[in-house]
Amino acid sequence: MPLSFQIVALGSQLVMTAADQLPSFDMAATCRLHITAVYGVAAGPQYKNCMQNEQSALHQLRRQWLKFPNTARTDCASWQTIGSAPSYVGLLTCLQAPGP
């Protein structure tokens, strides 16, 4: 019994540590994939706008990350990594969404 408690305690510490760290996404790859899917080409003003939006969201997340609840940080970060193009804009939107 004590061993299973130790495993649960260790697992919860790992989750908390992961929630404390802002995830690292490849903004250029995200924008290339998104812009190509929408416009058929991965360059131009749409790509530049996408990169600016991602940079802005990242800047805001760096300032506010620890102000969001641990569970929201963990859940939203996990949801962003499900697809092939994780996004700081998507992460910020998820964190700012009203709860149930």
C-alpha atoms as a PDB file:
ATOM      1  CA  MET A   1       0.000   0.000   0.000  1.00  0.00           C
ATOM      2  CA  PRO A   2       2.691   2.596   0.805  1.00  0.00           C
ATOM      3  CA  LEU A   3       4.354   1.961  -2.553  1.00  0.00           C
ATOM      4  CA  SER A   4       1.192   2.840  -4.507  1.00  0.00           C
ATOM      5  CA  PHE A   5       0.815   6.032  -2.469  1.00  0.00           C
ATOM      6  CA  GLN A   6       4.397   6.992  -3.369  1.00  0.00           C
ATOM      7  CA  ILE A   7       3.709   6.400  -7.058  1.00  0.00           C
ATOM      8  CA  VAL A   8       0.569   8.563  -6.938  1.00  0.00           C
ATOM      9  CA  ALA A   9       2.445  11.290  -5.062  1.00  0.00           C
ATOM     10  CA  LEU A  10       5.291  11.231  -7.587  1.00  0.00           C
ATOM     11  CA  GLY A  11       2.845  11.298 -10.505  1.00  0.00           C
ATOM     12  CA  SER A  12       1.030  14.325  -9.117  1.00  0.00           C
ATOM     13  CA  GLN A  13       4.331  16.175  -8.722  1.00  0.00           C
ATOM     14  CA  LEU A  14       5.165  15.492 -12.371  1.00  0.00           C
ATOM     15  CA  VAL A  15       1.810  16.906 -13.482  1.00  0.00           C
ATOM     16  CA  MET A  16       2.285  20.008 -11.360  1.00  0.00           C
ATOM     17  CA  THR A  17       5.778  20.542 -12.760  1.00  0.00           C
ATOM     18  CA  ALA A  18       4.519  20.229 -16.330  1.00  0.00           C
ATOM     19  CA  ALA A  19       1.752  22.760 -15.612  1.00  0.00           C
ATOM     20  CA  ASP A  20       4.318  25.233 -14.313  1.00  0.00           C
ATOM     21  CA  GLN A  21       6.188  25.321 -17.635  1.00  0.00           C
ATOM     22  CA  LEU A  22       4.820  27.184 -20.637  1.00  0.00           C
ATOM     23  CA  PRO A  23       4.996  24.701 -23.536  1.00  0.00           C
ATOM     24  CA  SER A  24       7.286  25.386 -26.452  1.00  0.00           C
ATOM     25  CA  PHE A  25       5.672  25.373 -29.903  1.00  0.00           C
ATOM     26  CA  ASP A  26       7.211  25.861 -33.347  1.00  0.00           C
ATOM     27  CA  MET A  27       5.341  28.972 -34.466  1.00  0.00           C
ATOM     28  CA  ALA A  28       6.834  28.966 -37.961  1.00  0.00           C
ATOM     29  CA  ALA A  29       5.690  25.390 -38.607  1.00  0.00           C
ATOM     30  CA  THR A  30       2.248  26.143 -37.167  1.00  0.00           C
ATOM     31  CA  CYS A  31       1.817  29.201 -39.371  1.00  0.00           C
ATOM     32  CA  ARG A  32       3.141  27.436 -42.494  1.00  0.00           C
ATOM     33  CA  LEU A  33       0.702  24.571 -41.979  1.00  0.00           C
ATOM     34  CA  HIS A  34      -2.245  26.841 -41.213  1.00  0.00           C
ATOM     35  CA  ILE A  35      -1.637  29.287 -44.053  1.00  0.00           C
ATOM     36  CA  THR A  36      -1.012  26.479 -46.544  1.00  0.00           C
ATOM     37  CA  ALA A  37      -4.254  24.769 -45.508  1.00  0.00           C
ATOM     38  CA  VAL A  38      -6.288  27.963 -45.853  1.00  0.00           C
ATOM     39  CA  TYR A  39      -4.581  29.764 -48.760  1.00  0.00           C
ATOM     40  CA  GLY A  40      -2.612  27.029 -50.525  1.00  0.00           C
ATOM     41  CA  VAL A  41       0.699  28.815 -50.067  1.00  0.00           C
ATOM     42  CA  ALA A  42       2.914  29.218 -46.984  1.00  0.00           C
ATOM     43  CA  ALA A  43       4.142  32.762 -47.584  1.00  0.00           C
ATOM     44  CA  GLY A  44       2.899  36.284 -47.909  1.00  0.00           C
ATOM     45  CA  PRO A  45       1.091  38.716 -45.630  1.00  0.00           C
ATOM     46  CA  GLN A  46      -1.088  35.995 -44.089  1.00  0.00           C
ATOM     47  CA  TYR A  47       2.009  34.159 -42.856  1.00  0.00           C
ATOM     48  CA  LYS A  48       3.429  37.369 -41.416  1.00  0.00           C
ATOM     49  CA  ASN A  49       0.112  38.107 -39.645  1.00  0.00           C
ATOM     50  CA  CYS A  50       0.005  34.571 -38.261  1.00  0.00           C
ATOM     51  CA  MET A  51       3.534  34.914 -36.871  1.00  0.00           C
ATOM     52  CA  GLN A  52       2.672  38.282 -35.298  1.00  0.00           C
ATOM     53  CA  ASN A  53      -0.437  36.805 -33.672  1.00  0.00           C
ATOM     54  CA  GLU A  54       1.542  33.842 -32.329  1.00  0.00           C
ATOM     55  CA  GLN A  55       4.269  36.159 -30.960  1.00  0.00           C
ATOM     56  CA  SER A  56       1.675  38.373 -29.309  1.00  0.00           C
ATOM     57  CA  ALA A  57      -0.071  35.388 -27.711  1.00  0.00           C
ATOM     58  CA  LEU A  58       3.273  33.987 -26.511  1.00  0.00           C
ATOM     59  CA  HIS A  59       4.176  37.330 -24.953  1.00  0.00           C
ATOM     60  CA  GLN A  60       0.837  37.480 -23.140  1.00  0.00           C
ATOM     61  CA  LEU A  61       1.156  33.852 -21.987  1.00  0.00           C
ATOM     62  CA  ARG A  62       4.648  34.501 -20.587  1.00  0.00           C
ATOM     63  CA  ARG A  63       3.216  37.277 -18.419  1.00  0.00           C
ATOM     64  CA  GLN A  64       0.063  35.436 -17.306  1.00  0.00           C
ATOM     65  CA  TRP A  65       0.906  31.707 -17.379  1.00  0.00           C
ATOM     66  CA  LEU A  66       1.048  31.112 -13.631  1.00  0.00           C
ATOM     67  CA  LYS A  67      -2.147  33.134 -13.061  1.00  0.00           C
ATOM     68  CA  PHE A  68      -4.232  30.437 -14.772  1.00  0.00           C
ATOM     69  CA  PRO A  69      -5.312  27.412 -12.693  1.00  0.00           C
ATOM     70  CA  ASN A  70      -3.024  24.354 -12.878  1.00  0.00           C
ATOM     71  CA  THR A  71      -5.758  22.149 -14.297  1.00  0.00           C
ATOM     72  CA  ALA A  72      -6.550  24.662 -17.051  1.00  0.00           C
ATOM     73  CA  ARG A  73      -2.863  24.978 -17.971  1.00  0.00           C
ATOM     74  CA  THR A  74      -2.440  21.207 -18.101  1.00  0.00           C
ATOM     75  CA  ASP A  75      -5.671  20.569 -20.031  1.00  0.00           C
ATOM     76  CA  CYS A  76      -5.240  23.365 -22.559  1.00  0.00           C
ATOM     77  CA  ALA A  77      -1.579  22.512 -23.211  1.00  0.00           C
ATOM     78  CA  SER A  78      -2.538  18.861 -23.739  1.00  0.00           C
ATOM     79  CA  TRP A  79      -5.320  19.792 -26.150  1.00  0.00           C
ATOM     80  CA  GLN A  80      -2.953  21.932 -28.200  1.00  0.00           C
ATOM     81  CA  THR A  81      -0.567  19.032 -28.708  1.00  0.00           C
ATOM     82  CA  ILE A  82      -3.288  16.718 -30.072  1.00  0.00           C
ATOM     83  CA  GLY A  83      -3.181  18.253 -33.549  1.00  0.00           C
ATOM     84  CA  SER A  84      -0.233  18.704 -35.849  1.00  0.00           C
ATOM     85  CA  ALA A  85       0.020  22.471 -35.364  1.00  0.00           C
ATOM     86  CA  PRO A  86      -0.024  23.562 -31.712  1.00  0.00           C
ATOM     87  CA  SER A  87      -0.679  27.266 -31.381  1.00  0.00           C
ATOM     88  CA  TYR A  88      -0.061  29.870 -28.691  1.00  0.00           C
ATOM     89  CA  VAL A  89      -3.172  31.683 -29.928  1.00  0.00           C
ATOM     90  CA  GLY A  90      -5.174  28.483 -29.425  1.00  0.00           C
ATOM     91  CA  LEU A  91      -3.608  27.911 -26.014  1.00  0.00           C
ATOM     92  CA  LEU A  92      -4.401  31.441 -24.861  1.00  0.00           C
ATOM     93  CA  THR A  93      -7.952  31.192 -26.215  1.00  0.00           C
ATOM     94  CA  CYS A  94      -8.462  27.914 -24.350  1.00  0.00           C
ATOM     95  CA  LEU A  95      -7.157  29.401 -21.093  1.00  0.00           C
ATOM     96  CA  GLN A  96      -9.355  32.492 -21.399  1.00  0.00           C
ATOM     97  CA  ALA A  97     -12.520  30.535 -22.218  1.00  0.00           C
ATOM     98  CA  PRO A  98     -15.127  30.609 -19.463  1.00  0.00           C
ATOM     99  CA  GLY A  99     -15.408  27.387 -17.505  1.00  0.00           C
ATOM    100  CA  PRO A 100     -18.528  25.232 -17.359  1.00  0.00           C
END
